Amino acid sequence: MSSFAVVKTGGKQHKVVAGQKIKIERLKDEVGSQINLDEVLLHSDGEKVTVGKPLLSGATVKAKVISHGRQEKIRIFKLRRRKHSKNQQGHRQDFTEIEIENILTE
């Protein structure tokens, strides 16, 4: 097994491995900048699993911002049958794509 961590960002939790690219909620950091994800909930080095209560102190995940973008549009359609009522809405979520460089623990 390889080393991995579970980080919390944008109200969501992501399992990350060094070298992995993931899309997270939009960040204000510029493309090419380094970021630190400090909210680490769990870390595993392959043999030992360390769980935070709720966060691991001293653990960080270093990542690099690759790009910003928007997800595909989703359609929200509500129909109330026999009531002559329907509602349509669309939504595109902003995201930031990051590449995990390494996972640091104390």
C-alpha atoms as a PDB file:
ATOM      1  CA  MET A   1       0.000   0.000   0.000  1.00  0.00           C
ATOM      2  CA  SER A   2       1.115   3.521  -0.652  1.00  0.00           C
ATOM      3  CA  SER A   3       0.950   6.582   1.539  1.00  0.00           C
ATOM      4  CA  PHE A   4      -2.270   8.598   1.390  1.00  0.00           C
ATOM      5  CA  ALA A   5      -4.148  11.266   3.335  1.00  0.00           C
ATOM      6  CA  VAL A   6      -7.707  12.507   3.657  1.00  0.00           C
ATOM      7  CA  VAL A   7      -7.977  16.300   3.463  1.00  0.00           C
ATOM      8  CA  LYS A   8     -10.907  18.642   3.908  1.00  0.00           C
ATOM      9  CA  THR A   9     -11.318  21.600   1.559  1.00  0.00           C
ATOM     10  CA  GLY A  10     -14.350  23.477   0.348  1.00  0.00           C
ATOM     11  CA  GLY A  11     -16.655  21.554   2.664  1.00  0.00           C
ATOM     12  CA  LYS A  12     -15.711  18.235   1.057  1.00  0.00           C
ATOM     13  CA  GLN A  13     -13.270  15.473   1.928  1.00  0.00           C
ATOM     14  CA  HIS A  14     -10.790  14.077  -0.598  1.00  0.00           C
ATOM     15  CA  LYS A  15      -8.489  11.055  -0.414  1.00  0.00           C
ATOM     16  CA  VAL A  16      -5.182  12.164  -1.928  1.00  0.00           C
ATOM     17  CA  VAL A  17      -1.934  10.472  -2.972  1.00  0.00           C
ATOM     18  CA  ALA A  18       1.298  12.196  -4.019  1.00  0.00           C
ATOM     19  CA  GLY A  19       1.259  12.912  -7.766  1.00  0.00           C
ATOM     20  CA  GLN A  20      -2.548  12.826  -8.028  1.00  0.00           C
ATOM     21  CA  LYS A  21      -4.551  15.559  -9.776  1.00  0.00           C
ATOM     22  CA  ILE A  22      -7.927  16.466  -8.283  1.00  0.00           C
ATOM     23  CA  LYS A  23     -10.602  19.112  -8.807  1.00  0.00           C
ATOM     24  CA  ILE A  24     -11.664  20.978  -5.678  1.00  0.00           C
ATOM     25  CA  GLU A  25     -13.885  23.963  -4.935  1.00  0.00           C
ATOM     26  CA  ARG A  26     -12.596  27.220  -6.448  1.00  0.00           C
ATOM     27  CA  LEU A  27      -9.594  28.824  -4.699  1.00  0.00           C
ATOM     28  CA  LYS A  28      -8.371  32.387  -5.165  1.00  0.00           C
ATOM     29  CA  ASP A  29      -4.740  31.315  -5.647  1.00  0.00           C
ATOM     30  CA  GLU A  30      -3.097  31.942  -9.019  1.00  0.00           C
ATOM     31  CA  VAL A  31      -2.128  29.225 -11.493  1.00  0.00           C
ATOM     32  CA  GLY A  32       1.340  27.874 -10.720  1.00  0.00           C
ATOM     33  CA  SER A  33       1.302  28.883  -7.059  1.00  0.00           C
ATOM     34  CA  GLN A  34       1.981  26.505  -4.187  1.00  0.00           C
ATOM     35  CA  ILE A  35      -0.745  25.878  -1.606  1.00  0.00           C
ATOM     36  CA  ASN A  36      -0.831  24.056   1.714  1.00  0.00           C
ATOM     37  CA  LEU A  37      -3.884  22.043   2.685  1.00  0.00           C
ATOM     38  CA  ASP A  38      -3.721  22.148   6.485  1.00  0.00           C
ATOM     39  CA  GLU A  39      -6.979  20.381   7.342  1.00  0.00           C
ATOM     40  CA  VAL A  40      -5.698  16.782   7.278  1.00  0.00           C
ATOM     41  CA  LEU A  41      -8.174  14.326   8.818  1.00  0.00           C
ATOM     42  CA  LEU A  42      -6.313  11.038   8.314  1.00  0.00           C
ATOM     43  CA  HIS A  43      -2.876   9.845   7.224  1.00  0.00           C
ATOM     44  CA  SER A  44      -1.701   6.367   6.302  1.00  0.00           C
ATOM     45  CA  ASP A  45       1.883   5.438   5.453  1.00  0.00           C
ATOM     46  CA  GLY A  46       0.979   1.929   4.294  1.00  0.00           C
ATOM     47  CA  GLU A  47       1.343   0.261   7.673  1.00  0.00           C
ATOM     48  CA  LYS A  48       0.262   2.759  10.305  1.00  0.00           C
ATOM     49  CA  VAL A  49      -2.985   4.759  10.119  1.00  0.00           C
ATOM     50  CA  THR A  50      -3.232   7.997  12.106  1.00  0.00           C
ATOM     51  CA  VAL A  51      -6.655   9.559  12.620  1.00  0.00           C
ATOM     52  CA  GLY A  52      -7.113  13.140  13.828  1.00  0.00           C
ATOM     53  CA  LYS A  53      -9.531  14.324  16.492  1.00  0.00           C
ATOM     54  CA  PRO A  54     -10.822  15.997  14.303  1.00  0.00           C
ATOM     55  CA  LEU A  55      -7.586  17.215  12.606  1.00  0.00           C
ATOM     56  CA  LEU A  56      -4.007  15.932  12.682  1.00  0.00           C
ATOM     57  CA  SER A  57      -1.734  18.531  14.259  1.00  0.00           C
ATOM     58  CA  GLY A  58       1.349  19.363  12.217  1.00  0.00           C
ATOM     59  CA  ALA A  59       0.222  17.489   9.110  1.00  0.00           C
ATOM     60  CA  THR A  60       0.000  19.340   5.795  1.00  0.00           C
ATOM     61  CA  VAL A  61      -0.422  18.437   2.155  1.00  0.00           C
ATOM     62  CA  LYS A  62       1.561  20.516  -0.329  1.00  0.00           C
ATOM     63  CA  ALA A  63      -0.044  21.049  -3.721  1.00  0.00           C
ATOM     64  CA  LYS A  64       0.372  23.120  -6.873  1.00  0.00           C
ATOM     65  CA  VAL A  65      -2.463  24.956  -8.642  1.00  0.00           C
ATOM     66  CA  ILE A  66      -2.701  23.724 -12.239  1.00  0.00           C
ATOM     67  CA  SER A  67      -5.798  25.464 -13.593  1.00  0.00           C
ATOM     68  CA  HIS A  68      -9.180  27.023 -12.908  1.00  0.00           C
ATOM     69  CA  GLY A  69     -12.350  26.172 -14.772  1.00  0.00           C
ATOM     70  CA  ARG A  70     -16.021  25.321 -14.675  1.00  0.00           C
ATOM     71  CA  GLN A  71     -17.714  21.926 -14.549  1.00  0.00           C
ATOM     72  CA  GLU A  72     -20.232  20.798 -17.139  1.00  0.00           C
ATOM     73  CA  LYS A  73     -23.696  22.285 -16.830  1.00  0.00           C
ATOM     74  CA  ILE A  74     -26.222  20.315 -14.853  1.00  0.00           C
ATOM     75  CA  ARG A  75     -29.946  20.689 -15.449  1.00  0.00           C
ATOM     76  CA  ILE A  76     -32.402  20.982 -12.582  1.00  0.00           C
ATOM     77  CA  PHE A  77     -35.950  20.211 -13.696  1.00  0.00           C
ATOM     78  CA  LYS A  78     -38.928  20.148 -11.380  1.00  0.00           C
ATOM     79  CA  LEU A  79     -42.361  19.146 -12.617  1.00  0.00           C
ATOM     80  CA  ARG A  80     -45.501  19.164 -10.538  1.00  0.00           C
ATOM     81  CA  ARG A  81     -47.801  16.819 -12.383  1.00  0.00           C
ATOM     82  CA  ARG A  82     -51.377  17.843 -12.993  1.00  0.00           C
ATOM     83  CA  LYS A  83     -50.645  21.325 -11.601  1.00  0.00           C
ATOM     84  CA  HIS A  84     -49.455  23.068 -14.813  1.00  0.00           C
ATOM     85  CA  SER A  85     -46.233  23.931 -13.040  1.00  0.00           C
ATOM     86  CA  LYS A  86     -42.659  23.242 -14.050  1.00  0.00           C
ATOM     87  CA  ASN A  87     -39.332  24.841 -13.249  1.00  0.00           C
ATOM     88  CA  GLN A  88     -36.003  24.604 -15.110  1.00  0.00           C
ATOM     89  CA  GLN A  89     -32.633  25.767 -13.896  1.00  0.00           C
ATOM     90  CA  GLY A  90     -29.009  25.197 -14.885  1.00  0.00           C
ATOM     91  CA  HIS A  91     -25.818  25.370 -12.852  1.00  0.00           C
ATOM     92  CA  ARG A  92     -22.056  25.268 -13.563  1.00  0.00           C
ATOM     93  CA  GLN A  93     -19.739  24.884 -10.584  1.00  0.00           C
ATOM     94  CA  ASP A  94     -16.343  26.628 -10.517  1.00  0.00           C
ATOM     95  CA  PHE A  95     -13.335  24.445  -9.685  1.00  0.00           C
ATOM     96  CA  THR A  96      -9.588  24.598  -9.166  1.00  0.00           C
ATOM     97  CA  GLU A  97      -7.468  21.698 -10.396  1.00  0.00           C
ATOM     98  CA  ILE A  98      -4.502  20.936  -8.154  1.00  0.00           C
ATOM     99  CA  GLU A  99      -1.669  18.414  -8.218  1.00  0.00           C
ATOM    100  CA  ILE A 100      -0.634  16.882  -4.898  1.00  0.00           C
ATOM    101  CA  GLU A 101       3.150  17.142  -4.504  1.00  0.00           C
ATOM    102  CA  ASN A 102       3.780  15.542  -1.124  1.00  0.00           C
ATOM    103  CA  ILE A 103       2.221  14.726   2.237  1.00  0.00           C
ATOM    104  CA  LEU A 104       4.087  16.003   5.291  1.00  0.00           C
ATOM    105  CA  THR A 105       3.585  14.813   8.869  1.00  0.00           C
ATOM    106  CA  GLU A 106       5.500  15.450  12.060  1.00  0.00           C
END
